[in-house]
Protein backbone atom coordinates (compact mmCIF):
# COMPACT_ATOMS: atom_id res chain seq x y z
CA UNK A 1 0.00 0.00 0.00
CA UNK A 2 1.00 3.63 -0.49
CA UNK A 3 -0.26 6.80 1.13
CA UNK A 4 -2.04 9.77 -0.46
CA UNK A 5 -3.50 12.84 1.21
CA UNK A 6 -6.93 14.46 1.36
CA UNK A 7 -6.93 17.75 -0.58
CA UNK A 8 -9.19 19.44 1.97
CA UNK A 9 -6.78 18.54 4.76
CA UNK A 10 -3.86 19.93 2.80
CA UNK A 11 -5.68 23.24 2.26
CA UNK A 12 -6.25 23.51 5.99
CA UNK A 13 -2.62 22.79 6.72
CA UNK A 14 -3.28 19.33 8.07
CA UNK A 15 -1.81 16.22 6.49
CA UNK A 16 -4.10 13.22 6.86
CA UNK A 17 -2.66 10.09 5.26
CA UNK A 18 -5.01 7.86 3.29
CA UNK A 19 -3.88 4.40 2.29
CA UNK A 20 -4.46 3.15 -1.24
CA UNK A 21 -5.45 -0.50 -1.48
CA UNK A 22 -3.78 -1.68 -4.69
CA UNK A 23 -5.62 -5.01 -4.68
CA UNK A 24 -8.92 -3.16 -4.46
CA UNK A 25 -7.99 -0.87 -7.35
CA UNK A 26 -6.90 -3.79 -9.51
CA UNK A 27 -10.17 -5.56 -8.75
CA UNK A 28 -12.15 -2.41 -9.60
CA UNK A 29 -10.42 -2.18 -12.98
CA UNK A 30 -10.86 -5.91 -13.61
CA UNK A 31 -14.58 -5.64 -12.87
CA UNK A 32 -14.83 -2.83 -15.41
CA UNK A 33 -13.28 -5.06 -18.07
CA UNK A 34 -15.73 -7.82 -17.18
CA UNK A 35 -18.67 -5.45 -17.66
CA UNK A 36 -17.39 -4.27 -21.04
CA UNK A 37 -16.69 -7.85 -22.15
CA UNK A 38 -20.10 -9.01 -20.94
CA UNK A 39 -21.84 -6.34 -23.04
CA UNK A 40 -19.70 -6.26 -26.17
CA UNK A 41 -17.40 -9.30 -26.12
CA UNK A 42 -13.76 -9.57 -25.19
CA UNK A 43 -12.61 -8.64 -28.70
CA UNK A 44 -14.10 -5.16 -28.19
CA UNK A 45 -12.14 -4.48 -24.99
CA UNK A 46 -9.56 -1.69 -25.05
CA UNK A 47 -7.64 -0.15 -22.17
CA UNK A 48 -9.32 3.19 -22.88
CA UNK A 49 -12.79 1.59 -22.80
CA UNK A 50 -11.99 -0.12 -19.50
CA UNK A 51 -10.70 3.14 -18.01
CA UNK A 52 -13.93 4.90 -19.01
CA UNK A 53 -16.05 2.07 -17.58
CA UNK A 54 -14.09 2.14 -14.32
CA UNK A 55 -14.24 5.92 -14.08
CA UNK A 56 -10.46 6.24 -13.82
CA UNK A 57 -7.72 7.62 -16.04
CA UNK A 58 -6.06 5.59 -18.77
CA UNK A 59 -2.77 6.27 -17.01
CA UNK A 60 -4.04 4.56 -13.85
CA UNK A 61 -5.10 1.47 -15.80
CA UNK A 62 -1.67 1.36 -17.42
CA UNK A 63 -0.04 1.70 -13.99
CA UNK A 64 -1.62 -1.55 -12.81
CA UNK A 65 -1.66 -3.36 -16.17
CA UNK A 66 1.13 -2.40 -18.54
CA UNK A 67 -0.45 -4.11 -21.57
CA UNK A 68 -3.89 -5.14 -22.74
CA UNK A 69 -2.83 -8.79 -22.45
CA UNK A 70 -1.93 -8.30 -18.77
CA UNK A 71 -5.24 -6.53 -18.21
CA UNK A 72 -7.20 -9.41 -19.73
CA UNK A 73 -5.28 -11.96 -17.69
CA UNK A 74 -5.85 -9.91 -14.53
CA UNK A 75 -9.59 -9.92 -15.20
CA UNK A 76 -9.56 -13.69 -15.76
CA UNK A 77 -7.71 -14.27 -12.49
CA UNK A 78 -10.23 -12.02 -10.73
CA UNK A 79 -13.11 -14.03 -12.20
CA UNK A 80 -11.39 -17.28 -11.27
CA UNK A 81 -11.15 -16.17 -7.64
CA UNK A 82 -14.86 -15.29 -7.62
CA UNK A 83 -15.67 -18.65 -9.19
CA UNK A 84 -13.71 -20.47 -6.46
CA UNK A 85 -15.68 -18.56 -3.83
CA UNK A 86 -18.97 -19.61 -5.44
CA UNK A 87 -17.63 -23.18 -5.70
CA UNK A 88 -16.92 -23.15 -1.96
CA UNK A 89 -20.42 -21.81 -1.28
CA UNK A 90 -21.99 -24.56 -3.39
CA UNK A 91 -19.90 -27.16 -1.59
CA UNK A 92 -20.99 -25.87 1.82
CA UNK A 93 -24.63 -26.34 0.79
CA UNK A 94 -24.11 -29.82 -0.67
CA UNK A 95 -25.78 -32.81 1.07
CA UNK A 96 -22.40 -34.50 1.53
CA UNK A 97 -19.77 -31.73 1.20
CA UNK A 98 -16.92 -33.91 2.46
CA UNK A 99 -17.31 -36.60 -0.18
CA UNK A 100 -15.12 -36.56 -3.33
CA UNK A 101 -18.23 -36.82 -5.52
CA UNK A 102 -19.81 -33.85 -3.75
CA UNK A 103 -16.63 -31.86 -4.32
CA UNK A 104 -16.58 -32.74 -8.02
CA UNK A 105 -20.31 -32.09 -8.48
CA UNK A 106 -19.92 -28.63 -6.93
CA UNK A 107 -17.12 -27.86 -9.38
CA UNK A 108 -19.09 -29.09 -12.39
CA UNK A 109 -22.16 -27.08 -11.34
CA UNK A 110 -20.06 -23.92 -11.00
CA UNK A 111 -18.25 -24.56 -14.29
CA UNK A 112 -21.48 -24.32 -16.29
CA UNK A 113 -22.97 -20.92 -17.22
CA UNK A 114 -26.14 -21.28 -15.17
CA UNK A 115 -26.44 -17.64 -14.04
CA UNK A 116 -25.11 -14.23 -15.06
CA UNK A 117 -21.88 -14.45 -13.07
CA UNK A 118 -20.90 -17.89 -14.33
CA UNK A 119 -22.04 -16.96 -17.85
CA UNK A 120 -19.64 -14.01 -17.98
CA UNK A 121 -16.82 -16.09 -16.47
CA UNK A 122 -17.27 -18.74 -19.14
CA UNK A 123 -17.71 -16.15 -21.90
CA UNK A 124 -14.54 -14.24 -20.98
CA UNK A 125 -12.49 -17.40 -20.51
CA UNK A 126 -13.60 -18.93 -23.80
CA UNK A 127 -13.10 -15.66 -25.68
CA UNK A 128 -9.62 -15.28 -24.19
CA UNK A 129 -8.68 -18.80 -25.30
CA UNK A 130 -9.88 -18.15 -28.85
CA UNK A 131 -8.02 -14.83 -29.08
CA UNK A 132 -4.85 -16.40 -27.66
CA UNK A 133 -4.78 -18.83 -30.59
CA UNK A 134 -3.84 -16.01 -32.95
CA UNK A 135 -2.49 -13.32 -30.62
CA UNK A 136 1.12 -13.97 -29.62
CA UNK A 137 1.05 -11.52 -26.71
CA UNK A 138 -2.02 -13.15 -25.21
CA UNK A 139 -0.58 -16.63 -25.78
CA UNK A 140 2.50 -15.67 -23.76
CA UNK A 141 0.41 -14.93 -20.65
CA UNK A 142 0.12 -17.73 -18.05
CA UNK A 143 -3.56 -18.30 -18.88
CA UNK A 144 -3.28 -22.08 -18.89
CA UNK A 145 -2.13 -22.11 -15.24
CA UNK A 146 -5.72 -21.69 -14.06
CA UNK A 147 -6.87 -24.74 -16.02
CA UNK A 148 -3.93 -26.74 -14.68
CA UNK A 149 -4.92 -25.80 -11.12
CA UNK A 150 -8.45 -27.06 -11.72
CA UNK A 151 -7.20 -30.37 -13.09
CA UNK A 152 -4.93 -30.75 -10.08
CA UNK A 153 -7.79 -30.14 -7.64
CA UNK A 154 -10.06 -32.61 -9.41
CA UNK A 155 -7.26 -35.18 -9.56
CA UNK A 156 -6.89 -34.83 -5.78
CA UNK A 157 -10.60 -35.52 -5.25
CA UNK A 158 -10.45 -38.52 -7.59
CA UNK A 159 -7.41 -39.92 -5.76
CA UNK A 160 -9.36 -39.64 -2.51
CA UNK A 161 -12.32 -41.47 -4.03
CA UNK A 162 -10.01 -44.11 -5.45
CA UNK A 163 -8.44 -44.71 -2.03
CA UNK A 164 -11.92 -45.07 -0.53
CA UNK A 165 -12.89 -47.70 -3.07
CA UNK A 166 -15.48 -45.45 -4.72
CA UNK A 167 -13.91 -45.73 -8.19
CA UNK A 168 -12.64 -48.52 -10.39
CA UNK A 169 -9.13 -49.49 -9.18
CA UNK A 170 -7.71 -49.22 -12.70
CA UNK A 171 -8.95 -45.64 -13.23
CA UNK A 172 -6.40 -43.32 -14.86
CA UNK A 173 -6.77 -40.36 -12.49
CA UNK A 174 -4.90 -37.67 -14.52
CA UNK A 175 -6.79 -38.64 -17.68
CA UNK A 176 -10.15 -38.56 -15.88
CA UNK A 177 -9.40 -35.15 -14.34
CA UNK A 178 -8.54 -33.81 -17.80
CA UNK A 179 -11.75 -35.35 -19.16
CA UNK A 180 -13.89 -33.69 -16.48
CA UNK A 181 -12.41 -30.25 -17.18
CA UNK A 182 -12.71 -30.68 -20.94
CA UNK A 183 -16.25 -32.04 -20.70
CA UNK A 184 -17.39 -29.16 -18.50
CA UNK A 185 -15.80 -26.58 -20.81
CA UNK A 186 -17.36 -28.12 -23.90
CA UNK A 187 -20.80 -28.35 -22.33
CA UNK A 188 -20.47 -24.79 -21.04
CA UNK A 189 -19.79 -23.54 -24.55
CA UNK A 190 -22.79 -25.48 -25.87
CA UNK A 191 -24.97 -23.70 -23.30
CA UNK A 192 -23.55 -20.29 -24.25
CA UNK A 193 -24.35 -20.75 -27.93
CA UNK A 194 -27.83 -22.12 -27.21
CA UNK A 195 -27.22 -25.69 -28.33
CA UNK A 196 -28.61 -27.04 -25.07
CA UNK A 197 -29.99 -25.71 -21.82
CA UNK A 198 -28.04 -25.55 -18.59
CA UNK A 199 -30.40 -28.18 -17.17
CA UNK A 200 -29.61 -30.53 -20.05
CA UNK A 201 -25.87 -29.96 -19.62
CA UNK A 202 -26.11 -30.74 -15.90
CA UNK A 203 -27.96 -33.96 -16.75
CA UNK A 204 -25.12 -35.02 -19.09
CA UNK A 205 -22.54 -34.39 -16.37
CA UNK A 206 -24.67 -36.28 -13.86
CA UNK A 207 -24.84 -39.33 -16.13
CA UNK A 208 -21.08 -39.26 -16.55
CA UNK A 209 -20.55 -39.17 -12.78
CA UNK A 210 -23.10 -41.95 -12.27
CA UNK A 211 -21.13 -44.10 -14.71
CA UNK A 212 -17.78 -43.09 -13.17
CA UNK A 213 -18.74 -43.79 -9.56
CA UNK A 214 -20.87 -46.79 -10.50
CA UNK A 215 -17.80 -48.64 -11.76
CA UNK A 216 -16.26 -49.04 -8.30
CA UNK A 217 -15.33 -52.41 -6.98
C-alpha atoms as a PDB file:
ATOM      1  CA  UNK A   1       0.000   0.000   0.000  1.00  0.00           C
ATOM      2  CA  UNK A   2       1.002   3.629  -0.488  1.00  0.00           C
ATOM      3  CA  UNK A   3      -0.258   6.800   1.132  1.00  0.00           C
ATOM      4  CA  UNK A   4      -2.042   9.768  -0.460  1.00  0.00           C
ATOM      5  CA  UNK A   5      -3.498  12.835   1.211  1.00  0.00           C
ATOM      6  CA  UNK A   6      -6.932  14.458   1.358  1.00  0.00           C
ATOM      7  CA  UNK A   7      -6.933  17.752  -0.583  1.00  0.00           C
ATOM      8  CA  UNK A   8      -9.195  19.439   1.973  1.00  0.00           C
ATOM      9  CA  UNK A   9      -6.781  18.535   4.761  1.00  0.00           C
ATOM     10  CA  UNK A  10      -3.856  19.934   2.805  1.00  0.00           C
ATOM     11  CA  UNK A  11      -5.680  23.238   2.262  1.00  0.00           C
ATOM     12  CA  UNK A  12      -6.254  23.511   5.987  1.00  0.00           C
ATOM     13  CA  UNK A  13      -2.622  22.789   6.722  1.00  0.00           C
ATOM     14  CA  UNK A  14      -3.283  19.332   8.074  1.00  0.00           C
ATOM     15  CA  UNK A  15      -1.810  16.222   6.494  1.00  0.00           C
ATOM     16  CA  UNK A  16      -4.099  13.219   6.855  1.00  0.00           C
ATOM     17  CA  UNK A  17      -2.664  10.090   5.256  1.00  0.00           C
ATOM     18  CA  UNK A  18      -5.006   7.864   3.288  1.00  0.00           C
ATOM     19  CA  UNK A  19      -3.884   4.399   2.288  1.00  0.00           C
ATOM     20  CA  UNK A  20      -4.463   3.146  -1.237  1.00  0.00           C
ATOM     21  CA  UNK A  21      -5.448  -0.505  -1.484  1.00  0.00           C
ATOM     22  CA  UNK A  22      -3.777  -1.676  -4.685  1.00  0.00           C
ATOM     23  CA  UNK A  23      -5.618  -5.006  -4.684  1.00  0.00           C
ATOM     24  CA  UNK A  24      -8.923  -3.159  -4.459  1.00  0.00           C
ATOM     25  CA  UNK A  25      -7.987  -0.871  -7.351  1.00  0.00           C
ATOM     26  CA  UNK A  26      -6.898  -3.788  -9.505  1.00  0.00           C
ATOM     27  CA  UNK A  27     -10.174  -5.565  -8.746  1.00  0.00           C
ATOM     28  CA  UNK A  28     -12.147  -2.413  -9.597  1.00  0.00           C
ATOM     29  CA  UNK A  29     -10.422  -2.177 -12.979  1.00  0.00           C
ATOM     30  CA  UNK A  30     -10.862  -5.907 -13.614  1.00  0.00           C
ATOM     31  CA  UNK A  31     -14.584  -5.640 -12.866  1.00  0.00           C
ATOM     32  CA  UNK A  32     -14.832  -2.826 -15.413  1.00  0.00           C
ATOM     33  CA  UNK A  33     -13.279  -5.056 -18.068  1.00  0.00           C
ATOM     34  CA  UNK A  34     -15.727  -7.822 -17.181  1.00  0.00           C
ATOM     35  CA  UNK A  35     -18.670  -5.454 -17.657  1.00  0.00           C
ATOM     36  CA  UNK A  36     -17.392  -4.272 -21.038  1.00  0.00           C
ATOM     37  CA  UNK A  37     -16.691  -7.849 -22.155  1.00  0.00           C
ATOM     38  CA  UNK A  38     -20.101  -9.013 -20.939  1.00  0.00           C
ATOM     39  CA  UNK A  39     -21.845  -6.343 -23.044  1.00  0.00           C
ATOM     40  CA  UNK A  40     -19.696  -6.263 -26.174  1.00  0.00           C
ATOM     41  CA  UNK A  41     -17.404  -9.297 -26.123  1.00  0.00           C
ATOM     42  CA  UNK A  42     -13.762  -9.573 -25.192  1.00  0.00           C
ATOM     43  CA  UNK A  43     -12.609  -8.641 -28.698  1.00  0.00           C
ATOM     44  CA  UNK A  44     -14.095  -5.164 -28.188  1.00  0.00           C
ATOM     45  CA  UNK A  45     -12.137  -4.480 -24.989  1.00  0.00           C
ATOM     46  CA  UNK A  46      -9.556  -1.690 -25.049  1.00  0.00           C
ATOM     47  CA  UNK A  47      -7.640  -0.148 -22.172  1.00  0.00           C
ATOM     48  CA  UNK A  48      -9.322   3.187 -22.879  1.00  0.00           C
ATOM     49  CA  UNK A  49     -12.789   1.588 -22.802  1.00  0.00           C
ATOM     50  CA  UNK A  50     -11.990  -0.121 -19.498  1.00  0.00           C
ATOM     51  CA  UNK A  51     -10.699   3.143 -18.007  1.00  0.00           C
ATOM     52  CA  UNK A  52     -13.928   4.896 -19.006  1.00  0.00           C
ATOM     53  CA  UNK A  53     -16.050   2.074 -17.580  1.00  0.00           C
ATOM     54  CA  UNK A  54     -14.095   2.135 -14.317  1.00  0.00           C
ATOM     55  CA  UNK A  55     -14.240   5.923 -14.078  1.00  0.00           C
ATOM     56  CA  UNK A  56     -10.459   6.245 -13.825  1.00  0.00           C
ATOM     57  CA  UNK A  57      -7.724   7.622 -16.041  1.00  0.00           C
ATOM     58  CA  UNK A  58      -6.063   5.593 -18.771  1.00  0.00           C
ATOM     59  CA  UNK A  59      -2.767   6.270 -17.014  1.00  0.00           C
ATOM     60  CA  UNK A  60      -4.042   4.558 -13.854  1.00  0.00           C
ATOM     61  CA  UNK A  61      -5.104   1.472 -15.804  1.00  0.00           C
ATOM     62  CA  UNK A  62      -1.668   1.361 -17.415  1.00  0.00           C
ATOM     63  CA  UNK A  63      -0.041   1.702 -13.994  1.00  0.00           C
ATOM     64  CA  UNK A  64      -1.616  -1.554 -12.810  1.00  0.00           C
ATOM     65  CA  UNK A  65      -1.661  -3.364 -16.171  1.00  0.00           C
ATOM     66  CA  UNK A  66       1.127  -2.403 -18.543  1.00  0.00           C
ATOM     67  CA  UNK A  67      -0.447  -4.105 -21.565  1.00  0.00           C
ATOM     68  CA  UNK A  68      -3.886  -5.144 -22.742  1.00  0.00           C
ATOM     69  CA  UNK A  69      -2.832  -8.789 -22.450  1.00  0.00           C
ATOM     70  CA  UNK A  70      -1.933  -8.297 -18.770  1.00  0.00           C
ATOM     71  CA  UNK A  71      -5.245  -6.527 -18.208  1.00  0.00           C
ATOM     72  CA  UNK A  72      -7.196  -9.407 -19.729  1.00  0.00           C
ATOM     73  CA  UNK A  73      -5.277 -11.957 -17.694  1.00  0.00           C
ATOM     74  CA  UNK A  74      -5.853  -9.908 -14.530  1.00  0.00           C
ATOM     75  CA  UNK A  75      -9.590  -9.922 -15.202  1.00  0.00           C
ATOM     76  CA  UNK A  76      -9.562 -13.686 -15.758  1.00  0.00           C
ATOM     77  CA  UNK A  77      -7.709 -14.267 -12.490  1.00  0.00           C
ATOM     78  CA  UNK A  78     -10.233 -12.019 -10.733  1.00  0.00           C
ATOM     79  CA  UNK A  79     -13.110 -14.033 -12.204  1.00  0.00           C
ATOM     80  CA  UNK A  80     -11.386 -17.281 -11.268  1.00  0.00           C
ATOM     81  CA  UNK A  81     -11.147 -16.167  -7.644  1.00  0.00           C
ATOM     82  CA  UNK A  82     -14.859 -15.288  -7.616  1.00  0.00           C
ATOM     83  CA  UNK A  83     -15.667 -18.655  -9.187  1.00  0.00           C
ATOM     84  CA  UNK A  84     -13.714 -20.467  -6.460  1.00  0.00           C
ATOM     85  CA  UNK A  85     -15.681 -18.559  -3.828  1.00  0.00           C
ATOM     86  CA  UNK A  86     -18.972 -19.613  -5.442  1.00  0.00           C
ATOM     87  CA  UNK A  87     -17.633 -23.177  -5.698  1.00  0.00           C
ATOM     88  CA  UNK A  88     -16.920 -23.149  -1.964  1.00  0.00           C
ATOM     89  CA  UNK A  89     -20.417 -21.810  -1.280  1.00  0.00           C
ATOM     90  CA  UNK A  90     -21.993 -24.561  -3.386  1.00  0.00           C
ATOM     91  CA  UNK A  91     -19.899 -27.165  -1.588  1.00  0.00           C
ATOM     92  CA  UNK A  92     -20.988 -25.867   1.816  1.00  0.00           C
ATOM     93  CA  UNK A  93     -24.634 -26.336   0.792  1.00  0.00           C
ATOM     94  CA  UNK A  94     -24.110 -29.824  -0.674  1.00  0.00           C
ATOM     95  CA  UNK A  95     -25.782 -32.806   1.073  1.00  0.00           C
ATOM     96  CA  UNK A  96     -22.396 -34.495   1.529  1.00  0.00           C
ATOM     97  CA  UNK A  97     -19.772 -31.728   1.204  1.00  0.00           C
ATOM     98  CA  UNK A  98     -16.916 -33.914   2.461  1.00  0.00           C
ATOM     99  CA  UNK A  99     -17.306 -36.600  -0.182  1.00  0.00           C
ATOM    100  CA  UNK A 100     -15.123 -36.565  -3.325  1.00  0.00           C
ATOM    101  CA  UNK A 101     -18.227 -36.822  -5.516  1.00  0.00           C
ATOM    102  CA  UNK A 102     -19.815 -33.847  -3.746  1.00  0.00           C
ATOM    103  CA  UNK A 103     -16.633 -31.861  -4.323  1.00  0.00           C
ATOM    104  CA  UNK A 104     -16.584 -32.742  -8.023  1.00  0.00           C
ATOM    105  CA  UNK A 105     -20.307 -32.088  -8.478  1.00  0.00           C
ATOM    106  CA  UNK A 106     -19.924 -28.629  -6.933  1.00  0.00           C
ATOM    107  CA  UNK A 107     -17.119 -27.865  -9.378  1.00  0.00           C
ATOM    108  CA  UNK A 108     -19.093 -29.087 -12.389  1.00  0.00           C
ATOM    109  CA  UNK A 109     -22.155 -27.080 -11.342  1.00  0.00           C
ATOM    110  CA  UNK A 110     -20.056 -23.922 -10.996  1.00  0.00           C
ATOM    111  CA  UNK A 111     -18.249 -24.560 -14.291  1.00  0.00           C
ATOM    112  CA  UNK A 112     -21.477 -24.320 -16.285  1.00  0.00           C
ATOM    113  CA  UNK A 113     -22.971 -20.915 -17.220  1.00  0.00           C
ATOM    114  CA  UNK A 114     -26.143 -21.276 -15.172  1.00  0.00           C
ATOM    115  CA  UNK A 115     -26.436 -17.640 -14.038  1.00  0.00           C
ATOM    116  CA  UNK A 116     -25.107 -14.229 -15.065  1.00  0.00           C
ATOM    117  CA  UNK A 117     -21.879 -14.448 -13.075  1.00  0.00           C
ATOM    118  CA  UNK A 118     -20.904 -17.891 -14.327  1.00  0.00           C
ATOM    119  CA  UNK A 119     -22.041 -16.956 -17.853  1.00  0.00           C
ATOM    120  CA  UNK A 120     -19.643 -14.011 -17.979  1.00  0.00           C
ATOM    121  CA  UNK A 121     -16.824 -16.090 -16.466  1.00  0.00           C
ATOM    122  CA  UNK A 122     -17.271 -18.741 -19.143  1.00  0.00           C
ATOM    123  CA  UNK A 123     -17.712 -16.151 -21.898  1.00  0.00           C
ATOM    124  CA  UNK A 124     -14.545 -14.237 -20.981  1.00  0.00           C
ATOM    125  CA  UNK A 125     -12.491 -17.398 -20.508  1.00  0.00           C
ATOM    126  CA  UNK A 126     -13.601 -18.927 -23.802  1.00  0.00           C
ATOM    127  CA  UNK A 127     -13.101 -15.659 -25.679  1.00  0.00           C
ATOM    128  CA  UNK A 128      -9.617 -15.280 -24.193  1.00  0.00           C
ATOM    129  CA  UNK A 129      -8.675 -18.803 -25.298  1.00  0.00           C
ATOM    130  CA  UNK A 130      -9.879 -18.151 -28.851  1.00  0.00           C
ATOM    131  CA  UNK A 131      -8.021 -14.828 -29.083  1.00  0.00           C
ATOM    132  CA  UNK A 132      -4.854 -16.396 -27.663  1.00  0.00           C
ATOM    133  CA  UNK A 133      -4.779 -18.827 -30.586  1.00  0.00           C
ATOM    134  CA  UNK A 134      -3.837 -16.011 -32.946  1.00  0.00           C
ATOM    135  CA  UNK A 135      -2.488 -13.316 -30.619  1.00  0.00           C
ATOM    136  CA  UNK A 136       1.122 -13.974 -29.624  1.00  0.00           C
ATOM    137  CA  UNK A 137       1.048 -11.524 -26.709  1.00  0.00           C
ATOM    138  CA  UNK A 138      -2.024 -13.153 -25.214  1.00  0.00           C
ATOM    139  CA  UNK A 139      -0.581 -16.631 -25.777  1.00  0.00           C
ATOM    140  CA  UNK A 140       2.505 -15.666 -23.756  1.00  0.00           C
ATOM    141  CA  UNK A 141       0.411 -14.926 -20.646  1.00  0.00           C
ATOM    142  CA  UNK A 142       0.120 -17.730 -18.054  1.00  0.00           C
ATOM    143  CA  UNK A 143      -3.565 -18.296 -18.876  1.00  0.00           C
ATOM    144  CA  UNK A 144      -3.275 -22.076 -18.885  1.00  0.00           C
ATOM    145  CA  UNK A 145      -2.128 -22.109 -15.244  1.00  0.00           C
ATOM    146  CA  UNK A 146      -5.723 -21.686 -14.058  1.00  0.00           C
ATOM    147  CA  UNK A 147      -6.867 -24.736 -16.016  1.00  0.00           C
ATOM    148  CA  UNK A 148      -3.932 -26.739 -14.679  1.00  0.00           C
ATOM    149  CA  UNK A 149      -4.917 -25.795 -11.124  1.00  0.00           C
ATOM    150  CA  UNK A 150      -8.452 -27.062 -11.715  1.00  0.00           C
ATOM    151  CA  UNK A 151      -7.204 -30.365 -13.093  1.00  0.00           C
ATOM    152  CA  UNK A 152      -4.934 -30.752 -10.080  1.00  0.00           C
ATOM    153  CA  UNK A 153      -7.793 -30.136  -7.637  1.00  0.00           C
ATOM    154  CA  UNK A 154     -10.055 -32.613  -9.415  1.00  0.00           C
ATOM    155  CA  UNK A 155      -7.264 -35.181  -9.556  1.00  0.00           C
ATOM    156  CA  UNK A 156      -6.888 -34.829  -5.781  1.00  0.00           C
ATOM    157  CA  UNK A 157     -10.602 -35.519  -5.254  1.00  0.00           C
ATOM    158  CA  UNK A 158     -10.449 -38.517  -7.592  1.00  0.00           C
ATOM    159  CA  UNK A 159      -7.413 -39.915  -5.755  1.00  0.00           C
ATOM    160  CA  UNK A 160      -9.358 -39.641  -2.508  1.00  0.00           C
ATOM    161  CA  UNK A 161     -12.325 -41.468  -4.031  1.00  0.00           C
ATOM    162  CA  UNK A 162     -10.008 -44.113  -5.451  1.00  0.00           C
ATOM    163  CA  UNK A 163      -8.438 -44.714  -2.034  1.00  0.00           C
ATOM    164  CA  UNK A 164     -11.916 -45.067  -0.526  1.00  0.00           C
ATOM    165  CA  UNK A 165     -12.891 -47.704  -3.072  1.00  0.00           C
ATOM    166  CA  UNK A 166     -15.477 -45.450  -4.722  1.00  0.00           C
ATOM    167  CA  UNK A 167     -13.910 -45.726  -8.187  1.00  0.00           C
ATOM    168  CA  UNK A 168     -12.639 -48.516 -10.386  1.00  0.00           C
ATOM    169  CA  UNK A 169      -9.132 -49.495  -9.177  1.00  0.00           C
ATOM    170  CA  UNK A 170      -7.714 -49.224 -12.703  1.00  0.00           C
ATOM    171  CA  UNK A 171      -8.949 -45.640 -13.228  1.00  0.00           C
ATOM    172  CA  UNK A 172      -6.403 -43.322 -14.863  1.00  0.00           C
ATOM    173  CA  UNK A 173      -6.775 -40.356 -12.492  1.00  0.00           C
ATOM    174  CA  UNK A 174      -4.898 -37.675 -14.524  1.00  0.00           C
ATOM    175  CA  UNK A 175      -6.789 -38.643 -17.684  1.00  0.00           C
ATOM    176  CA  UNK A 176     -10.151 -38.557 -15.883  1.00  0.00           C
ATOM    177  CA  UNK A 177      -9.395 -35.145 -14.339  1.00  0.00           C
ATOM    178  CA  UNK A 178      -8.542 -33.812 -17.802  1.00  0.00           C
ATOM    179  CA  UNK A 179     -11.746 -35.350 -19.157  1.00  0.00           C
ATOM    180  CA  UNK A 180     -13.889 -33.694 -16.479  1.00  0.00           C
ATOM    181  CA  UNK A 181     -12.406 -30.249 -17.180  1.00  0.00           C
ATOM    182  CA  UNK A 182     -12.711 -30.682 -20.944  1.00  0.00           C
ATOM    183  CA  UNK A 183     -16.249 -32.042 -20.697  1.00  0.00           C
ATOM    184  CA  UNK A 184     -17.392 -29.160 -18.497  1.00  0.00           C
ATOM    185  CA  UNK A 185     -15.800 -26.583 -20.811  1.00  0.00           C
ATOM    186  CA  UNK A 186     -17.363 -28.122 -23.900  1.00  0.00           C
ATOM    187  CA  UNK A 187     -20.804 -28.348 -22.333  1.00  0.00           C
ATOM    188  CA  UNK A 188     -20.467 -24.792 -21.039  1.00  0.00           C
ATOM    189  CA  UNK A 189     -19.789 -23.538 -24.551  1.00  0.00           C
ATOM    190  CA  UNK A 190     -22.785 -25.478 -25.875  1.00  0.00           C
ATOM    191  CA  UNK A 191     -24.968 -23.697 -23.300  1.00  0.00           C
ATOM    192  CA  UNK A 192     -23.545 -20.287 -24.252  1.00  0.00           C
ATOM    193  CA  UNK A 193     -24.349 -20.749 -27.933  1.00  0.00           C
ATOM    194  CA  UNK A 194     -27.830 -22.116 -27.207  1.00  0.00           C
ATOM    195  CA  UNK A 195     -27.220 -25.695 -28.331  1.00  0.00           C
ATOM    196  CA  UNK A 196     -28.607 -27.039 -25.072  1.00  0.00           C
ATOM    197  CA  UNK A 197     -29.995 -25.705 -21.817  1.00  0.00           C
ATOM    198  CA  UNK A 198     -28.036 -25.547 -18.585  1.00  0.00           C
ATOM    199  CA  UNK A 199     -30.404 -28.177 -17.167  1.00  0.00           C
ATOM    200  CA  UNK A 200     -29.610 -30.532 -20.052  1.00  0.00           C
ATOM    201  CA  UNK A 201     -25.869 -29.963 -19.616  1.00  0.00           C
ATOM    202  CA  UNK A 202     -26.110 -30.744 -15.904  1.00  0.00           C
ATOM    203  CA  UNK A 203     -27.960 -33.956 -16.753  1.00  0.00           C
ATOM    204  CA  UNK A 204     -25.118 -35.019 -19.094  1.00  0.00           C
ATOM    205  CA  UNK A 205     -22.540 -34.388 -16.367  1.00  0.00           C
ATOM    206  CA  UNK A 206     -24.672 -36.276 -13.855  1.00  0.00           C
ATOM    207  CA  UNK A 207     -24.840 -39.330 -16.127  1.00  0.00           C
ATOM    208  CA  UNK A 208     -21.079 -39.257 -16.555  1.00  0.00           C
ATOM    209  CA  UNK A 209     -20.553 -39.171 -12.780  1.00  0.00           C
ATOM    210  CA  UNK A 210     -23.100 -41.951 -12.268  1.00  0.00           C
ATOM    211  CA  UNK A 211     -21.134 -44.095 -14.709  1.00  0.00           C
ATOM    212  CA  UNK A 212     -17.780 -43.094 -13.169  1.00  0.00           C
ATOM    213  CA  UNK A 213     -18.735 -43.789  -9.560  1.00  0.00           C
ATOM    214  CA  UNK A 214     -20.870 -46.788 -10.504  1.00  0.00           C
ATOM    215  CA  UNK A 215     -17.797 -48.639 -11.757  1.00  0.00           C
ATOM    216  CA  UNK A 216     -16.255 -49.039  -8.296  1.00  0.00           C
ATOM    217  CA  UNK A 217     -15.329 -52.405  -6.983  1.00  0.00           C
END
